[in-house]
């Protein structure tokens, strides 16, 4: 028998800077013991690629404070977040503009 496809929508989780730092520290310890990144990710309930990204971010920043390495509350830096918000708004306004143009054309034809 074939299994029914499950459509489970996961919500985006937010990790604190302290959690990220601790996860990277644990990953380094466990890797020294020969444990795979996939297993470490399963243990922490985090995708292995996220652990690698966090490790690269910490390594690139050296001894920088956590707030500089992982700004915000585990989200994108505020500038990137603002850019994305503005891009969404531009897209929404473009859709509204397109709708209004077609409505104006429709009513112009009706008034003739």
PDB file of N, CA and C in Angstrom:
ATOM      1  N   UNK A   1       0.828  -1.196   0.000  1.00  0.00           N
ATOM      2  CA  UNK A   1       0.000   0.000   0.000  1.00  0.00           C
ATOM      3  C   UNK A   1       0.866   1.250   0.000  1.00  0.00           C
ATOM      4  N   UNK A   2       0.402   2.253  -0.690  1.00  0.00           N
ATOM      5  CA  UNK A   2       1.129   3.523  -0.734  1.00  0.00           C
ATOM      6  C   UNK A   2       0.719   4.385   0.445  1.00  0.00           C
ATOM      7  N   UNK A   3       1.671   5.078   0.984  1.00  0.00           N
ATOM      8  CA  UNK A   3       1.373   5.980   2.099  1.00  0.00           C
ATOM      9  C   UNK A   3       0.733   7.249   1.578  1.00  0.00           C
ATOM     10  N   UNK A   4      -0.200   7.755   2.318  1.00  0.00           N
ATOM     11  CA  UNK A   4      -0.836   9.021   1.952  1.00  0.00           C
ATOM     12  C   UNK A   4       0.148  10.151   2.207  1.00  0.00           C
ATOM     13  N   UNK A   5       0.224  11.067   1.279  1.00  0.00           N
ATOM     14  CA  UNK A   5       1.144  12.205   1.429  1.00  0.00           C
ATOM     15  C   UNK A   5       0.621  13.128   2.522  1.00  0.00           C
ATOM     16  N   UNK A   6       1.489  13.439   3.423  1.00  0.00           N
ATOM     17  CA  UNK A   6       1.121  14.356   4.505  1.00  0.00           C
ATOM     18  C   UNK A   6       1.587  15.747   4.141  1.00  0.00           C
ATOM     19  N   UNK A   7       0.719  16.691   4.293  1.00  0.00           N
ATOM     20  CA  UNK A   7       1.119  18.084   4.036  1.00  0.00           C
ATOM     21  C   UNK A   7       1.210  18.797   5.377  1.00  0.00           C
ATOM     22  N   UNK A   8       2.369  18.694   5.955  1.00  0.00           N
ATOM     23  CA  UNK A   8       2.612  19.338   7.246  1.00  0.00           C
ATOM     24  C   UNK A   8       3.353  20.632   6.976  1.00  0.00           C
ATOM     25  N   UNK A   9       2.725  21.713   7.353  1.00  0.00           N
ATOM     26  CA  UNK A   9       3.362  23.012   7.168  1.00  0.00           C
ATOM     27  C   UNK A   9       4.078  23.374   8.454  1.00  0.00           C
ATOM     28  N   UNK A  10       5.409  23.543   8.339  1.00  0.00           N
ATOM     29  CA  UNK A  10       6.205  23.899   9.497  1.00  0.00           C
ATOM     30  C   UNK A  10       6.294  25.408   9.589  1.00  0.00           C
ATOM     31  N   UNK A  11       6.227  25.887  10.792  1.00  0.00           N
ATOM     32  CA  UNK A  11       6.394  27.322  11.001  1.00  0.00           C
ATOM     33  C   UNK A  11       7.873  27.610  11.178  1.00  0.00           C
ATOM     34  N   UNK A  12       8.274  28.778  10.802  1.00  0.00           N
ATOM     35  CA  UNK A  12       9.674  29.174  10.933  1.00  0.00           C
ATOM     36  C   UNK A  12       9.990  29.373  12.411  1.00  0.00           C
ATOM     37  N   UNK A  13      11.039  28.697  12.850  1.00  0.00           N
ATOM     38  CA  UNK A  13      11.440  28.812  14.247  1.00  0.00           C
ATOM     39  C   UNK A  13      12.491  29.905  14.382  1.00  0.00           C
ATOM     40  N   UNK A  14      12.513  30.525  15.530  1.00  0.00           N
ATOM     41  CA  UNK A  14      13.472  31.588  15.814  1.00  0.00           C
ATOM     42  C   UNK A  14      14.386  31.102  16.935  1.00  0.00           C
ATOM     43  N   UNK A  15      15.688  31.155  16.675  1.00  0.00           N
ATOM     44  CA  UNK A  15      16.665  30.715  17.655  1.00  0.00           C
ATOM     45  C   UNK A  15      17.418  31.923  18.188  1.00  0.00           C
ATOM     46  N   UNK A  16      17.649  31.920  19.489  1.00  0.00           N
ATOM     47  CA  UNK A  16      18.392  33.021  20.098  1.00  0.00           C
ATOM     48  C   UNK A  16      19.868  32.896  19.751  1.00  0.00           C
ATOM     49  N   UNK A  17      20.586  33.997  19.900  1.00  0.00           N
ATOM     50  CA  UNK A  17      22.025  34.001  19.629  1.00  0.00           C
ATOM     51  C   UNK A  17      22.745  33.043  20.577  1.00  0.00           C
ATOM     52  N   UNK A  18      22.288  32.958  21.821  1.00  0.00           N
ATOM     53  CA  UNK A  18      22.915  32.067  22.787  1.00  0.00           C
ATOM     54  C   UNK A  18      22.725  30.608  22.379  1.00  0.00           C
ATOM     55  N   UNK A  19      21.527  30.271  21.889  1.00  0.00           N
ATOM     56  CA  UNK A  19      21.273  28.910  21.439  1.00  0.00           C
ATOM     57  C   UNK A  19      22.197  28.553  20.273  1.00  0.00           C
ATOM     58  N   UNK A  20      22.334  29.492  19.340  1.00  0.00           N
ATOM     59  CA  UNK A  20      23.191  29.246  18.178  1.00  0.00           C
ATOM     60  C   UNK A  20      24.635  29.010  18.607  1.00  0.00           C
ATOM     61  N   UNK A  21      25.114  29.845  19.516  1.00  0.00           N
ATOM     62  CA  UNK A  21      26.496  29.697  19.979  1.00  0.00           C
ATOM     63  C   UNK A  21      26.678  28.364  20.697  1.00  0.00           C
ATOM     64  N   UNK A  22      25.726  28.001  21.530  1.00  0.00           N
ATOM     65  CA  UNK A  22      25.813  26.736  22.261  1.00  0.00           C
ATOM     66  C   UNK A  22      25.734  25.557  21.289  1.00  0.00           C
ATOM     67  N   UNK A  23      24.895  25.649  20.277  1.00  0.00           N
ATOM     68  CA  UNK A  23      24.782  24.577  19.286  1.00  0.00           C
ATOM     69  C   UNK A  23      26.101  24.394  18.539  1.00  0.00           C
ATOM     70  N   UNK A  24      26.747  25.492  18.185  1.00  0.00           N
ATOM     71  CA  UNK A  24      28.040  25.417  17.487  1.00  0.00           C
ATOM     72  C   UNK A  24      29.105  24.823  18.405  1.00  0.00           C
ATOM     73  N   UNK A  25      29.073  25.205  19.666  1.00  0.00           N
ATOM     74  CA  UNK A  25      30.037  24.661  20.624  1.00  0.00           C
ATOM     75  C   UNK A  25      29.845  23.150  20.767  1.00  0.00           C
ATOM     76  N   UNK A  26      28.582  22.725  20.910  1.00  0.00           N
ATOM     77  CA  UNK A  26      28.296  21.291  21.024  1.00  0.00           C
ATOM     78  C   UNK A  26      28.681  20.547  19.751  1.00  0.00           C
ATOM     79  N   UNK A  27      28.437  21.174  18.608  1.00  0.00           N
ATOM     80  CA  UNK A  27      28.797  20.543  17.345  1.00  0.00           C
ATOM     81  C   UNK A  27      30.308  20.309  17.292  1.00  0.00           C
ATOM     82  N   UNK A  28      31.088  21.303  17.708  1.00  0.00           N
ATOM     83  CA  UNK A  28      32.545  21.158  17.690  1.00  0.00           C
ATOM     84  C   UNK A  28      32.985  20.031  18.626  1.00  0.00           C
ATOM     85  N   UNK A  29      32.386  19.972  19.815  1.00  0.00           N
ATOM     86  CA  UNK A  29      32.735  18.914  20.770  1.00  0.00           C
ATOM     87  C   UNK A  29      32.393  17.538  20.218  1.00  0.00           C
ATOM     88  N   UNK A  30      31.196  17.400  19.700  1.00  0.00           N
ATOM     89  CA  UNK A  30      30.723  16.099  19.204  1.00  0.00           C
ATOM     90  C   UNK A  30      31.466  15.678  17.945  1.00  0.00           C
ATOM     91  N   UNK A  31      31.820  16.650  17.088  1.00  0.00           N
ATOM     92  CA  UNK A  31      32.585  16.324  15.876  1.00  0.00           C
ATOM     93  C   UNK A  31      33.952  15.770  16.269  1.00  0.00           C
ATOM     94  N   UNK A  32      34.546  16.305  17.353  1.00  0.00           N
ATOM     95  CA  UNK A  32      35.838  15.800  17.828  1.00  0.00           C
ATOM     96  C   UNK A  32      35.717  14.354  18.305  1.00  0.00           C
ATOM     97  N   UNK A  33      34.505  13.962  18.732  1.00  0.00           N
ATOM     98  CA  UNK A  33      34.260  12.590  19.172  1.00  0.00           C
ATOM     99  C   UNK A  33      33.890  11.674  18.010  1.00  0.00           C
ATOM    100  N   UNK A  34      33.783  12.251  16.796  1.00  0.00           N
ATOM    101  CA  UNK A  34      33.482  11.441  15.618  1.00  0.00           C
ATOM    102  C   UNK A  34      32.008  11.341  15.267  1.00  0.00           C
ATOM    103  N   UNK A  35      31.171  12.160  15.872  1.00  0.00           N
ATOM    104  CA  UNK A  35      29.736  12.130  15.597  1.00  0.00           C
ATOM    105  C   UNK A  35      29.461  12.966  14.347  1.00  0.00           C
ATOM    106  N   UNK A  36      28.550  12.498  13.493  1.00  0.00           N
ATOM    107  CA  UNK A  36      28.243  13.216  12.258  1.00  0.00           C
ATOM    108  C   UNK A  36      27.411  14.469  12.541  1.00  0.00           C
ATOM    109  N   UNK A  37      27.494  15.422  11.635  1.00  0.00           N
ATOM    110  CA  UNK A  37      26.713  16.656  11.778  1.00  0.00           C
ATOM    111  C   UNK A  37      25.222  16.342  11.679  1.00  0.00           C
ATOM    112  N   UNK A  38      24.873  15.345  10.859  1.00  0.00           N
ATOM    113  CA  UNK A  38      23.467  14.963  10.736  1.00  0.00           C
ATOM    114  C   UNK A  38      22.918  14.474  12.076  1.00  0.00           C
ATOM    115  N   UNK A  39      23.692  13.658  12.779  1.00  0.00           N
ATOM    116  CA  UNK A  39      23.255  13.155  14.075  1.00  0.00           C
ATOM    117  C   UNK A  39      23.162  14.290  15.096  1.00  0.00           C
ATOM    118  N   UNK A  40      24.112  15.182  15.069  1.00  0.00           N
ATOM    119  CA  UNK A  40      24.087  16.322  15.988  1.00  0.00           C
ATOM    120  C   UNK A  40      22.844  17.169  15.706  1.00  0.00           C
ATOM    121  N   UNK A  41      22.548  17.383  14.429  1.00  0.00           N
ATOM    122  CA  UNK A  41      21.353  18.136  14.059  1.00  0.00           C
ATOM    123  C   UNK A  41      20.090  17.471  14.562  1.00  0.00           C
ATOM    124  N   UNK A  42      20.013  16.137  14.424  1.00  0.00           N
ATOM    125  CA  UNK A  42      18.828  15.420  14.926  1.00  0.00           C
ATOM    126  C   UNK A  42      18.709  15.581  16.441  1.00  0.00           C
ATOM    127  N   UNK A  43      19.848  15.491  17.131  1.00  0.00           N
ATOM    128  CA  UNK A  43      19.832  15.621  18.592  1.00  0.00           C
ATOM    129  C   UNK A  43      19.340  16.996  19.030  1.00  0.00           C
ATOM    130  N   UNK A  44      19.727  18.020  18.283  1.00  0.00           N
ATOM    131  CA  UNK A  44      19.350  19.393  18.644  1.00  0.00           C
ATOM    132  C   UNK A  44      18.050  19.844  17.961  1.00  0.00           C
ATOM    133  N   UNK A  45      17.504  19.006  17.090  1.00  0.00           N
ATOM    134  CA  UNK A  45      16.315  19.325  16.304  1.00  0.00           C
ATOM    135  C   UNK A  45      16.542  20.569  15.440  1.00  0.00           C
ATOM    136  N   UNK A  46      17.706  20.573  14.777  1.00  0.00           N
ATOM    137  CA  UNK A  46      18.100  21.664  13.889  1.00  0.00           C
ATOM    138  C   UNK A  46      18.665  21.026  12.625  1.00  0.00           C
ATOM    139  N   UNK A  47      18.379  21.620  11.479  1.00  0.00           N
ATOM    140  CA  UNK A  47      18.927  21.099  10.230  1.00  0.00           C
ATOM    141  C   UNK A  47      20.457  21.178  10.262  1.00  0.00           C
ATOM    142  N   UNK A  48      21.139  20.149   9.782  1.00  0.00           N
ATOM    143  CA  UNK A  48      22.603  20.153   9.796  1.00  0.00           C
ATOM    144  C   UNK A  48      23.192  21.349   9.052  1.00  0.00           C
ATOM    145  N   UNK A  49      22.567  21.750   7.955  1.00  0.00           N
ATOM    146  CA  UNK A  49      23.094  22.891   7.202  1.00  0.00           C
ATOM    147  C   UNK A  49      23.036  24.172   8.030  1.00  0.00           C
ATOM    148  N   UNK A  50      22.018  24.322   8.875  1.00  0.00           N
ATOM    149  CA  UNK A  50      21.943  25.510   9.738  1.00  0.00           C
ATOM    150  C   UNK A  50      23.112  25.520  10.720  1.00  0.00           C
ATOM    151  N   UNK A  51      23.458  24.351  11.261  1.00  0.00           N
ATOM    152  CA  UNK A  51      24.604  24.279  12.172  1.00  0.00           C
ATOM    153  C   UNK A  51      25.874  24.726  11.459  1.00  0.00           C
ATOM    154  N   UNK A  52      26.036  24.281  10.221  1.00  0.00           N
ATOM    155  CA  UNK A  52      27.227  24.672   9.458  1.00  0.00           C
ATOM    156  C   UNK A  52      27.245  26.174   9.190  1.00  0.00           C
ATOM    157  N   UNK A  53      26.089  26.745   8.860  1.00  0.00           N
ATOM    158  CA  UNK A  53      25.997  28.190   8.600  1.00  0.00           C
ATOM    159  C   UNK A  53      26.353  28.962   9.861  1.00  0.00           C
ATOM    160  N   UNK A  54      25.790  28.545  10.994  1.00  0.00           N
ATOM    161  CA  UNK A  54      26.080  29.234  12.249  1.00  0.00           C
ATOM    162  C   UNK A  54      27.566  29.139  12.582  1.00  0.00           C
ATOM    163  N   UNK A  55      28.169  27.983  12.349  1.00  0.00           N
ATOM    164  CA  UNK A  55      29.594  27.809  12.629  1.00  0.00           C
ATOM    165  C   UNK A  55      30.425  28.739  11.743  1.00  0.00           C
ATOM    166  N   UNK A  56      30.062  28.848  10.470  1.00  0.00           N
ATOM    167  CA  UNK A  56      30.789  29.753   9.570  1.00  0.00           C
ATOM    168  C   UNK A  56      30.629  31.203  10.014  1.00  0.00           C
ATOM    169  N   UNK A  57      29.426  31.586  10.440  1.00  0.00           N
ATOM    170  CA  UNK A  57      29.198  32.956  10.894  1.00  0.00           C
ATOM    171  C   UNK A  57      30.043  33.271  12.119  1.00  0.00           C
ATOM    172  N   UNK A  58      30.087  32.352  13.067  1.00  0.00           N
ATOM    173  CA  UNK A  58      30.892  32.574  14.269  1.00  0.00           C
ATOM    174  C   UNK A  58      32.375  32.636  13.931  1.00  0.00           C
ATOM    175  N   UNK A  59      32.830  31.753  13.050  1.00  0.00           N
ATOM    176  CA  UNK A  59      34.247  31.740  12.674  1.00  0.00           C
ATOM    177  C   UNK A  59      34.629  33.020  11.945  1.00  0.00           C
ATOM    178  N   UNK A  60      33.739  33.529  11.106  1.00  0.00           N
ATOM    179  CA  UNK A  60      34.031  34.739  10.332  1.00  0.00           C
ATOM    180  C   UNK A  60      34.114  35.966  11.232  1.00  0.00           C
ATOM    181  N   UNK A  61      33.350  35.985  12.309  1.00  0.00           N
ATOM    182  CA  UNK A  61      33.319  37.143  13.193  1.00  0.00           C
ATOM    183  C   UNK A  61      34.400  37.093  14.266  1.00  0.00           C
ATOM    184  N   UNK A  62      35.039  35.956  14.432  1.00  0.00           N
ATOM    185  CA  UNK A  62      36.100  35.853  15.438  1.00  0.00           C
ATOM    186  C   UNK A  62      35.559  36.047  16.834  1.00  0.00           C
ATOM    187  N   UNK A  63      36.058  37.043  17.540  1.00  0.00           N
ATOM    188  CA  UNK A  63      35.658  37.281  18.923  1.00  0.00           C
ATOM    189  C   UNK A  63      34.587  38.345  19.066  1.00  0.00           C
ATOM    190  N   UNK A  64      33.808  38.587  18.011  1.00  0.00           N
ATOM    191  CA  UNK A  64      32.766  39.625  18.070  1.00  0.00           C
ATOM    192  C   UNK A  64      31.675  39.223  19.062  1.00  0.00           C
ATOM    193  N   UNK A  65      31.004  40.214  19.653  1.00  0.00           N
ATOM    194  CA  UNK A  65      29.887  39.915  20.547  1.00  0.00           C
ATOM    195  C   UNK A  65      28.777  39.189  19.792  1.00  0.00           C
ATOM    196  N   UNK A  66      28.021  38.385  20.515  1.00  0.00           N
ATOM    197  CA  UNK A  66      26.953  37.604  19.884  1.00  0.00           C
ATOM    198  C   UNK A  66      25.945  38.474  19.149  1.00  0.00           C
ATOM    199  N   UNK A  67      25.656  39.639  19.683  1.00  0.00           N
ATOM    200  CA  UNK A  67      24.671  40.516  19.041  1.00  0.00           C
ATOM    201  C   UNK A  67      25.134  40.937  17.649  1.00  0.00           C
ATOM    202  N   UNK A  68      26.456  41.023  17.447  1.00  0.00           N
ATOM    203  CA  UNK A  68      26.968  41.383  16.131  1.00  0.00           C
ATOM    204  C   UNK A  68      26.983  40.192  15.184  1.00  0.00           C
ATOM    205  N   UNK A  69      27.231  39.008  15.736  1.00  0.00           N
ATOM    206  CA  UNK A  69      27.287  37.806  14.905  1.00  0.00           C
ATOM    207  C   UNK A  69      25.891  37.377  14.505  1.00  0.00           C
ATOM    208  N   UNK A  70      24.966  37.335  15.464  1.00  0.00           N
ATOM    209  CA  UNK A  70      23.590  36.933  15.216  1.00  0.00           C
ATOM    210  C   UNK A  70      22.669  38.081  15.625  1.00  0.00           C
ATOM    211  N   UNK A  71      22.488  39.081  14.765  1.00  0.00           N
ATOM    212  CA  UNK A  71      21.659  40.228  15.140  1.00  0.00           C
ATOM    213  C   UNK A  71      20.183  39.856  15.259  1.00  0.00           C
ATOM    214  N   UNK A  72      19.452  40.686  15.961  1.00  0.00           N
ATOM    215  CA  UNK A  72      18.014  40.473  16.107  1.00  0.00           C
ATOM    216  C   UNK A  72      17.734  39.305  17.025  1.00  0.00           C
ATOM    217  N   UNK A  73      16.598  38.693  16.817  1.00  0.00           N
ATOM    218  CA  UNK A  73      16.209  37.547  17.637  1.00  0.00           C
ATOM    219  C   UNK A  73      16.316  36.279  16.801  1.00  0.00           C
ATOM    220  N   UNK A  74      17.459  36.087  16.165  1.00  0.00           N
ATOM    221  CA  UNK A  74      17.634  34.920  15.339  1.00  0.00           C
ATOM    222  C   UNK A  74      17.134  35.148  13.928  1.00  0.00           C
ATOM    223  N   UNK A  75      16.795  36.344  13.620  1.00  0.00           N
ATOM    224  CA  UNK A  75      16.273  36.668  12.301  1.00  0.00           C
ATOM    225  C   UNK A  75      17.350  37.343  11.464  1.00  0.00           C
ATOM    226  N   UNK A  76      16.936  37.807  10.296  1.00  0.00           N
ATOM    227  CA  UNK A  76      17.849  38.526   9.420  1.00  0.00           C
ATOM    228  C   UNK A  76      18.285  39.830  10.068  1.00  0.00           C
ATOM    229  N   UNK A  77      19.426  40.357   9.680  1.00  0.00           N
ATOM    230  CA  UNK A  77      19.799  41.677  10.175  1.00  0.00           C
ATOM    231  C   UNK A  77      18.707  42.685   9.816  1.00  0.00           C
ATOM    232  N   UNK A  78      18.564  43.705  10.635  1.00  0.00           N
ATOM    233  CA  UNK A  78      17.444  44.633  10.479  1.00  0.00           C
ATOM    234  C   UNK A  78      17.405  45.276   9.101  1.00  0.00           C
ATOM    235  N   UNK A  79      18.569  45.536   8.485  1.00  0.00           N
ATOM    236  CA  UNK A  79      18.565  46.158   7.153  1.00  0.00           C
ATOM    237  C   UNK A  79      17.987  45.196   6.124  1.00  0.00           C
ATOM    238  N   UNK A  80      18.377  43.941   6.186  1.00  0.00           N
ATOM    239  CA  UNK A  80      17.861  42.955   5.242  1.00  0.00           C
ATOM    240  C   UNK A  80      16.373  42.715   5.457  1.00  0.00           C
ATOM    241  N   UNK A  81      15.968  42.704   6.716  1.00  0.00           N
ATOM    242  CA  UNK A  81      14.558  42.522   7.030  1.00  0.00           C
ATOM    243  C   UNK A  81      13.745  43.689   6.461  1.00  0.00           C
ATOM    244  N   UNK A  82      14.248  44.902   6.603  1.00  0.00           N
ATOM    245  CA  UNK A  82      13.569  46.089   6.069  1.00  0.00           C
ATOM    246  C   UNK A  82      13.503  46.035   4.547  1.00  0.00           C
ATOM    247  N   UNK A  83      14.576  45.593   3.893  1.00  0.00           N
ATOM    248  CA  UNK A  83      14.581  45.476   2.431  1.00  0.00           C
ATOM    249  C   UNK A  83      13.517  44.489   1.983  1.00  0.00           C
ATOM    250  N   UNK A  84      13.435  43.344   2.652  1.00  0.00           N
ATOM    251  CA  UNK A  84      12.416  42.350   2.283  1.00  0.00           C
ATOM    252  C   UNK A  84      11.016  42.895   2.491  1.00  0.00           C
ATOM    253  N   UNK A  85      10.804  43.615   3.595  1.00  0.00           N
ATOM    254  CA  UNK A  85       9.480  44.186   3.857  1.00  0.00           C
ATOM    255  C   UNK A  85       9.114  45.177   2.760  1.00  0.00           C
ATOM    256  N   UNK A  86      10.066  46.017   2.386  1.00  0.00           N
ATOM    257  CA  UNK A  86       9.807  47.003   1.341  1.00  0.00           C
ATOM    258  C   UNK A  86       9.582  46.336  -0.017  1.00  0.00           C
ATOM    259  N   UNK A  87      10.303  45.261  -0.311  1.00  0.00           N
ATOM    260  CA  UNK A  87      10.088  44.541  -1.562  1.00  0.00           C
ATOM    261  C   UNK A  87       8.683  43.941  -1.618  1.00  0.00           C
ATOM    262  N   UNK A  88       8.216  43.399  -0.483  1.00  0.00           N
ATOM    263  CA  UNK A  88       6.850  42.869  -0.434  1.00  0.00           C
ATOM    264  C   UNK A  88       5.832  43.976  -0.663  1.00  0.00           C
ATOM    265  N   UNK A  89       6.075  45.135  -0.059  1.00  0.00           N
ATOM    266  CA  UNK A  89       5.161  46.261  -0.223  1.00  0.00           C
ATOM    267  C   UNK A  89       5.140  46.752  -1.669  1.00  0.00           C
ATOM    268  N   UNK A  90       6.313  46.821  -2.317  1.00  0.00           N
ATOM    269  CA  UNK A  90       6.380  47.238  -3.717  1.00  0.00           C
ATOM    270  C   UNK A  90       5.590  46.258  -4.586  1.00  0.00           C
ATOM    271  N   UNK A  91       5.739  44.969  -4.329  1.00  0.00           N
ATOM    272  CA  UNK A  91       5.016  43.957  -5.097  1.00  0.00           C
ATOM    273  C   UNK A  91       3.511  44.118  -4.916  1.00  0.00           C
ATOM    274  N   UNK A  92       3.074  44.337  -3.667  1.00  0.00           N
ATOM    275  CA  UNK A  92       1.645  44.509  -3.394  1.00  0.00           C
ATOM    276  C   UNK A  92       1.110  45.750  -4.095  1.00  0.00           C
ATOM    277  N   UNK A  93       1.865  46.842  -4.030  1.00  0.00           N
ATOM    278  CA  UNK A  93       1.414  48.086  -4.671  1.00  0.00           C
ATOM    279  C   UNK A  93       1.381  47.953  -6.193  1.00  0.00           C
ATOM    280  N   UNK A  94       2.313  47.202  -6.757  1.00  0.00           N
ATOM    281  CA  UNK A  94       2.304  46.974  -8.206  1.00  0.00           C
ATOM    282  C   UNK A  94       1.065  46.183  -8.612  1.00  0.00           C
ATOM    283  N   UNK A  95       0.684  45.197  -7.804  1.00  0.00           N
ATOM    284  CA  UNK A  95      -0.530  44.427  -8.088  1.00  0.00           C
ATOM    285  C   UNK A  95      -1.770  45.320  -8.005  1.00  0.00           C
ATOM    286  N   UNK A  96      -1.821  46.163  -6.983  1.00  0.00           N
ATOM    287  CA  UNK A  96      -2.948  47.088  -6.857  1.00  0.00           C
ATOM    288  C   UNK A  96      -2.997  48.034  -8.052  1.00  0.00           C
ATOM    289  N   UNK A  97      -1.849  48.532  -8.478  1.00  0.00           N
ATOM    290  CA  UNK A  97      -1.778  49.449  -9.611  1.00  0.00           C
ATOM    291  C   UNK A  97      -2.287  48.768 -10.883  1.00  0.00           C
ATOM    292  N   UNK A  98      -1.876  47.531 -11.112  1.00  0.00           N
ATOM    293  CA  UNK A  98      -2.333  46.780 -12.276  1.00  0.00           C
ATOM    294  C   UNK A  98      -3.845  46.603 -12.238  1.00  0.00           C
ATOM    295  N   UNK A  99      -4.370  46.269 -11.075  1.00  0.00           N
ATOM    296  CA  UNK A  99      -5.820  46.107 -10.927  1.00  0.00           C
ATOM    297  C   UNK A  99      -6.547  47.424 -11.209  1.00  0.00           C
ATOM    298  N   UNK A 100      -6.038  48.512 -10.649  1.00  0.00           N
ATOM    299  CA  UNK A 100      -6.691  49.806 -10.857  1.00  0.00           C
ATOM    300  C   UNK A 100      -6.650  50.234 -12.323  1.00  0.00           C
ATOM    301  N   UNK A 101      -5.572  49.948 -13.022  1.00  0.00           N
ATOM    302  CA  UNK A 101      -5.484  50.270 -14.444  1.00  0.00           C
ATOM    303  C   UNK A 101      -6.536  49.511 -15.241  1.00  0.00           C
ATOM    304  N   UNK A 102      -6.673  48.201 -14.940  1.00  0.00           N
ATOM    305  CA  UNK A 102      -7.664  47.419 -15.674  1.00  0.00           C
ATOM    306  C   UNK A 102      -9.075  47.857 -15.322  1.00  0.00           C
ATOM    307  N   UNK A 103      -9.323  48.246 -14.072  1.00  0.00           N
ATOM    308  CA  UNK A 103     -10.640  48.737 -13.683  1.00  0.00           C
ATOM    309  C   UNK A 103     -10.938  50.061 -14.378  1.00  0.00           C
ATOM    310  N   UNK A 104      -9.951  50.946 -14.457  1.00  0.00           N
ATOM    311  CA  UNK A 104     -10.146  52.231 -15.133  1.00  0.00           C
ATOM    312  C   UNK A 104     -10.435  52.009 -16.613  1.00  0.00           C
ATOM    313  N   UNK A 105      -9.736  51.072 -17.248  1.00  0.00           N
ATOM    314  CA  UNK A 105      -9.983  50.780 -18.660  1.00  0.00           C
ATOM    315  C   UNK A 105     -11.382  50.213 -18.846  1.00  0.00           C
ATOM    316  N   UNK A 106     -11.829  49.359 -17.950  1.00  0.00           N
ATOM    317  CA  UNK A 106     -13.165  48.781 -18.036  1.00  0.00           C
ATOM    318  C   UNK A 106     -14.234  49.869 -17.940  1.00  0.00           C
ATOM    319  N   UNK A 107     -14.106  50.746 -16.960  1.00  0.00           N
ATOM    320  CA  UNK A 107     -15.102  51.788 -16.784  1.00  0.00           C
ATOM    321  C   UNK A 107     -15.049  52.832 -17.898  1.00  0.00           C
ATOM    322  N   UNK A 108     -13.897  53.042 -18.480  1.00  0.00           N
ATOM    323  CA  UNK A 108     -13.784  53.967 -19.626  1.00  0.00           C
ATOM    324  C   UNK A 108     -14.543  53.408 -20.814  1.00  0.00           C
ATOM    325  N   UNK A 109     -14.480  52.100 -21.030  1.00  0.00           N
ATOM    326  CA  UNK A 109     -15.223  51.469 -22.124  1.00  0.00           C
ATOM    327  C   UNK A 109     -16.717  51.522 -21.873  1.00  0.00           C
ATOM    328  N   UNK A 110     -17.130  51.351 -20.633  1.00  0.00           N
ATOM    329  CA  UNK A 110     -18.556  51.357 -20.282  1.00  0.00           C
ATOM    330  C   UNK A 110     -19.178  52.735 -20.444  1.00  0.00           C
ATOM    331  N   UNK A 111     -18.422  53.794 -20.253  1.00  0.00           N
ATOM    332  CA  UNK A 111     -18.996  55.130 -20.283  1.00  0.00           C
ATOM    333  C   UNK A 111     -19.180  55.645 -21.718  1.00  0.00           C
ATOM    334  N   UNK A 112     -18.673  54.957 -22.717  1.00  0.00           N
ATOM    335  CA  UNK A 112     -18.812  55.409 -24.108  1.00  0.00           C
ATOM    336  C   UNK A 112     -20.162  55.154 -24.648  1.00  0.00           C
TER     337      UNK A 112
END
